[in-house]
Amino acid sequence: MELEIYEAFRSAGVADDKAKAAVESINREIDKRYALHASQLATKGDLAEAKTEIIKWAVGAVFAAVGLFATIAKLFP
């Protein structure tokens, strides 16, 4: 992408040093935007951990529901 932008600037008549500076500036801005949002991105590890937590809570909820059902069944035969 850098080369394409550089070549576009050069074909538009921008001086070599100014075209390089513009491409570097664009890259810095892209890096800044990525850095702002990088902390909000989930990694594979984050997703695996969340999946483990969901499974633990789901299994616990199933056991609690079965226990509650058994208790109700004993109380109201």
Protein backbone atom coordinates (compact mmCIF):
# COMPACT_ATOMS: atom_id res chain seq x y z
CA MET A 1 0.00 0.00 0.00
CA GLU A 2 2.84 2.40 0.82
CA LEU A 3 4.37 2.03 -2.61
CA GLU A 4 1.02 2.61 -4.33
CA ILE A 5 0.41 5.82 -2.36
CA TYR A 6 3.95 6.99 -3.00
CA GLU A 7 3.60 6.33 -6.72
CA ALA A 8 0.25 8.14 -6.79
CA PHE A 9 1.84 11.20 -5.21
CA ARG A 10 4.78 11.04 -7.62
CA SER A 11 2.49 10.72 -10.65
CA ALA A 12 0.55 13.76 -9.38
CA GLY A 13 3.78 15.76 -9.50
CA VAL A 14 4.64 15.80 -5.79
CA ALA A 15 8.36 16.02 -5.07
CA ASP A 16 10.10 12.82 -3.96
CA ASP A 17 10.87 13.97 -0.40
CA LYS A 18 7.36 15.36 0.09
CA ALA A 19 5.78 12.15 -1.25
CA LYS A 20 7.85 10.06 1.19
CA ALA A 21 6.93 12.39 4.08
CA ALA A 22 3.24 12.17 3.18
CA VAL A 23 3.34 8.36 3.06
CA GLU A 24 5.10 8.25 6.43
CA SER A 25 2.51 10.63 7.88
CA ILE A 26 -0.32 8.42 6.61
CA ASN A 27 1.35 5.37 8.16
CA ARG A 28 1.71 7.15 11.52
CA GLU A 29 -1.97 8.10 11.51
CA ILE A 30 -3.02 4.53 10.68
CA ASP A 31 -0.80 3.26 13.52
CA LYS A 32 -2.38 5.78 15.93
CA ARG A 33 -5.89 4.66 15.01
CA TYR A 34 -4.94 1.01 15.38
CA ALA A 35 -3.37 1.68 18.78
CA LEU A 36 -6.57 3.38 19.97
CA HIS A 37 -8.68 0.34 19.10
CA ALA A 38 -6.18 -2.44 19.78
CA SER A 39 -7.15 -2.66 23.44
CA GLN A 40 -10.75 -3.36 22.42
CA LEU A 41 -9.91 -6.25 20.12
CA ALA A 42 -10.35 -9.80 21.42
CA THR A 43 -7.56 -12.30 20.99
CA LYS A 44 -7.98 -16.06 20.58
CA GLY A 45 -6.98 -16.42 24.24
CA ASP A 46 -9.67 -13.97 25.31
CA LEU A 47 -12.30 -15.88 23.35
CA ALA A 48 -11.18 -19.24 24.72
CA GLU A 49 -11.33 -17.90 28.27
CA ALA A 50 -14.81 -16.47 27.70
CA LYS A 51 -15.96 -19.79 26.23
CA THR A 52 -14.68 -21.63 29.31
CA GLU A 53 -16.54 -19.25 31.61
CA ILE A 54 -19.77 -19.65 29.64
CA ILE A 55 -19.51 -23.43 29.76
CA LYS A 56 -18.88 -23.37 33.54
CA TRP A 57 -21.91 -21.18 34.17
CA ALA A 58 -24.14 -23.20 31.82
CA VAL A 59 -23.22 -26.52 33.46
CA GLY A 60 -23.74 -24.98 36.90
CA ALA A 61 -27.13 -23.64 35.85
CA VAL A 62 -28.18 -27.07 34.55
CA PHE A 63 -27.21 -28.75 37.85
CA ALA A 64 -29.04 -26.06 39.82
CA ALA A 65 -32.16 -26.49 37.67
CA VAL A 66 -32.10 -30.28 38.11
CA GLY A 67 -31.67 -29.88 41.87
CA LEU A 68 -34.51 -27.38 42.04
CA PHE A 69 -36.74 -29.69 39.99
CA ALA A 70 -35.89 -32.67 42.26
CA THR A 71 -36.70 -30.61 45.36
CA ILE A 72 -40.02 -29.45 43.94
CA ALA A 73 -40.87 -33.01 42.88
CA LYS A 74 -40.24 -34.26 46.45
CA LEU A 75 -42.28 -31.47 48.02
CA PHE A 76 -45.29 -31.91 45.74
CA PRO A 77 -45.68 -35.64 44.97
